[in-house]
C-alpha atoms as a PDB file:
ATOM      1  CA  MET A   1      94.837 103.750 118.646  1.00  0.00           C
ATOM      2  CA  VAL A   2      92.532 104.108 115.639  1.00  0.00           C
ATOM      3  CA  GLN A   3      93.091 101.586 112.870  1.00  0.00           C
ATOM      4  CA  THR A   4      94.150 102.647 109.387  1.00  0.00           C
ATOM      5  CA  GLU A   5      91.050 100.989 107.937  1.00  0.00           C
ATOM      6  CA  ALA A   6      88.818 103.427 109.822  1.00  0.00           C
ATOM      7  CA  PHE A   7      90.606 106.398 108.279  1.00  0.00           C
ATOM      8  CA  VAL A   8      90.412 104.850 104.818  1.00  0.00           C
ATOM      9  CA  MET A   9      86.695 104.145 105.221  1.00  0.00           C
ATOM     10  CA  LEU A  10      86.075 107.732 106.357  1.00  0.00           C
ATOM     11  CA  SER A  11      88.094 108.941 103.388  1.00  0.00           C
ATOM     12  CA  ALA A  12      86.034 106.795 101.030  1.00  0.00           C
ATOM     13  CA  VAL A  13      82.762 108.087 102.477  1.00  0.00           C
ATOM     14  CA  LEU A  14      83.926 111.700 102.175  1.00  0.00           C
ATOM     15  CA  PHE A  15      85.090 111.109  98.600  1.00  0.00           C
ATOM     16  CA  ILE A  16      81.758 109.529  97.643  1.00  0.00           C
ATOM     17  CA  LEU A  17      79.859 112.443  99.197  1.00  0.00           C
ATOM     18  CA  GLY A  18      82.034 114.866  97.227  1.00  0.00           C
ATOM     19  CA  ALA A  19      81.524 112.937  93.989  1.00  0.00           C
ATOM     20  CA  MET A  20      77.769 112.904  94.542  1.00  0.00           C
ATOM     21  CA  GLY A  21      77.890 116.654  95.121  1.00  0.00           C
ATOM     22  CA  VAL A  22      79.765 117.182  91.861  1.00  0.00           C
ATOM     23  CA  LEU A  23      77.334 115.025  89.910  1.00  0.00           C
ATOM     24  CA  LEU A  24      74.071 116.225  91.452  1.00  0.00           C
ATOM     25  CA  ARG A  25      74.503 119.914  92.269  1.00  0.00           C
ATOM     26  CA  ARG A  26      74.051 122.784  89.841  1.00  0.00           C
ATOM     27  CA  ASN A  27      75.301 125.621  92.044  1.00  0.00           C
ATOM     28  CA  ALA A  28      78.899 126.611  91.306  1.00  0.00           C
ATOM     29  CA  ILE A  29      79.790 127.207  94.955  1.00  0.00           C
ATOM     30  CA  LEU A  30      78.419 123.822  96.048  1.00  0.00           C
ATOM     31  CA  LEU A  31      80.223 122.195  93.139  1.00  0.00           C
ATOM     32  CA  PHE A  32      83.429 123.903  94.209  1.00  0.00           C
ATOM     33  CA  MET A  33      82.958 122.759  97.817  1.00  0.00           C
ATOM     34  CA  SER A  34      82.374 119.185  96.639  1.00  0.00           C
ATOM     35  CA  VAL A  35      85.648 119.189  94.715  1.00  0.00           C
ATOM     36  CA  GLU A  36      87.434 120.442  97.827  1.00  0.00           C
ATOM     37  CA  LEU A  37      85.798 117.676  99.870  1.00  0.00           C
ATOM     38  CA  MET A  38      87.113 115.103  97.397  1.00  0.00           C
ATOM     39  CA  LEU A  39      90.583 116.621  97.593  1.00  0.00           C
ATOM     40  CA  ASN A  40      90.559 116.501 101.386  1.00  0.00           C
ATOM     41  CA  ALA A  41      89.354 112.898 101.322  1.00  0.00           C
ATOM     42  CA  GLY A  42      92.390 112.024  99.233  1.00  0.00           C
ATOM     43  CA  ASN A  43      94.593 113.884 101.704  1.00  0.00           C
ATOM     44  CA  LEU A  44      93.104 111.930 104.600  1.00  0.00           C
ATOM     45  CA  ALA A  45      93.814 108.615 102.875  1.00  0.00           C
ATOM     46  CA  LEU A  46      97.365 109.717 102.083  1.00  0.00           C
ATOM     47  CA  VAL A  47      98.013 110.699 105.700  1.00  0.00           C
ATOM     48  CA  ALA A  48      96.485 107.438 106.950  1.00  0.00           C
ATOM     49  CA  PHE A  49      98.762 105.343 104.760  1.00  0.00           C
ATOM     50  CA  ALA A  50     101.795 107.490 105.575  1.00  0.00           C
ATOM     51  CA  ARG A  51     101.092 106.991 109.272  1.00  0.00           C
ATOM     52  CA  HIS A  52     100.566 103.262 108.762  1.00  0.00           C
ATOM     53  CA  TRP A  53     103.942 102.849 107.032  1.00  0.00           C
ATOM     54  CA  ASN A  54     105.734 105.473 109.179  1.00  0.00           C
ATOM     55  CA  GLN A  55     106.704 107.569 106.169  1.00  0.00           C
ATOM     56  CA  MET A  56     106.979 111.335 106.552  1.00  0.00           C
ATOM     57  CA  GLU A  57     106.927 111.914 102.788  1.00  0.00           C
ATOM     58  CA  GLY A  58     103.156 111.380 102.739  1.00  0.00           C
ATOM     59  CA  HIS A  59     102.673 114.160 105.253  1.00  0.00           C
ATOM     60  CA  LEU A  60     104.865 116.484 103.209  1.00  0.00           C
ATOM     61  CA  VAL A  61     102.885 115.777 100.053  1.00  0.00           C
ATOM     62  CA  VAL A  62      99.680 116.613 101.918  1.00  0.00           C
ATOM     63  CA  PHE A  63     101.114 119.983 102.964  1.00  0.00           C
ATOM     64  CA  PHE A  64     101.953 120.777  99.334  1.00  0.00           C
ATOM     65  CA  VAL A  65      98.492 119.662  98.191  1.00  0.00           C
ATOM     66  CA  MET A  66      96.895 121.883 100.835  1.00  0.00           C
ATOM     67  CA  ALA A  67      98.985 124.853  99.674  1.00  0.00           C
ATOM     68  CA  VAL A  68      97.894 124.296  96.078  1.00  0.00           C
ATOM     69  CA  ALA A  69      94.278 123.887  97.241  1.00  0.00           C
ATOM     70  CA  ALA A  70      94.461 127.239  99.044  1.00  0.00           C
ATOM     71  CA  ALA A  71      95.607 128.909  95.831  1.00  0.00           C
ATOM     72  CA  GLU A  72      92.867 127.087  93.932  1.00  0.00           C
ATOM     73  CA  VAL A  73      90.252 128.369  96.370  1.00  0.00           C
ATOM     74  CA  ALA A  74      91.428 131.950  95.926  1.00  0.00           C
ATOM     75  CA  VAL A  75      91.365 131.758  92.123  1.00  0.00           C
ATOM     76  CA  GLY A  76      88.160 129.711  91.971  1.00  0.00           C
ATOM     77  CA  LEU A  77      86.186 132.005  94.230  1.00  0.00           C
ATOM     78  CA  ALA A  78      87.441 135.036  92.320  1.00  0.00           C
ATOM     79  CA  LEU A  79      86.178 133.463  89.093  1.00  0.00           C
ATOM     80  CA  ILE A  80      82.824 132.605  90.657  1.00  0.00           C
ATOM     81  CA  VAL A  81      82.415 136.175  91.930  1.00  0.00           C
ATOM     82  CA  ALA A  82      83.354 137.596  88.506  1.00  0.00           C
ATOM     83  CA  ILE A  83      80.849 135.329  86.763  1.00  0.00           C
ATOM     84  CA  PHE A  84      78.152 136.238  89.277  1.00  0.00           C
ATOM     85  CA  ARG A  85      78.732 139.937  88.681  1.00  0.00           C
ATOM     86  CA  THR A  86      78.228 139.552  84.943  1.00  0.00           C
ATOM     87  CA  LYS A  87      75.478 136.914  84.800  1.00  0.00           C
ATOM     88  CA  GLN A  88      73.754 137.482  88.180  1.00  0.00           C
ATOM     89  CA  SER A  89      73.657 133.700  88.621  1.00  0.00           C
ATOM     90  CA  ILE A  90      76.015 130.887  89.562  1.00  0.00           C
ATOM     91  CA  ASN A  91      73.776 128.099  88.293  1.00  0.00           C
ATOM     92  CA  ILE A  92      75.856 125.799  86.084  1.00  0.00           C
ATOM     93  CA  ASP A  93      72.990 125.124  83.656  1.00  0.00           C
ATOM     94  CA  GLU A  94      72.510 128.836  83.022  1.00  0.00           C
ATOM     95  CA  LEU A  95      76.230 129.336  82.447  1.00  0.00           C
ATOM     96  CA  HIS A  96      76.182 126.863  79.552  1.00  0.00           C
ATOM     97  CA  GLN A  97      74.188 129.467  77.648  1.00  0.00           C
ATOM     98  CA  MET A  98      77.398 131.538  77.487  1.00  0.00           C
ATOM     99  CA  GLU A  99      78.775 129.148  74.867  1.00  0.00           C
ATOM    100  CA  GLY A 100      78.624 130.036  71.221  1.00  0.00           C
END
């Protein structure tokens, strides 16, 4: 059986990769994917600890988080497509010119 520490370490690595993606990328889709990676890393840690302590509530919370994430993906991608149609770019630096 895989130890809880292995799941937590994998979760930490995934979260760090997502955070690096958020900080270093300028493409809105890649930024969006990095946020989703961070969210899934948190879900993995929550499931690992719920399994470690034999608590089903952690698994239920993950299902609710995944449902909210699915709605977030639908709204977020719709916004990205709408912005792309008007600006012909999804580069974050170019979108800052919309201010003012």
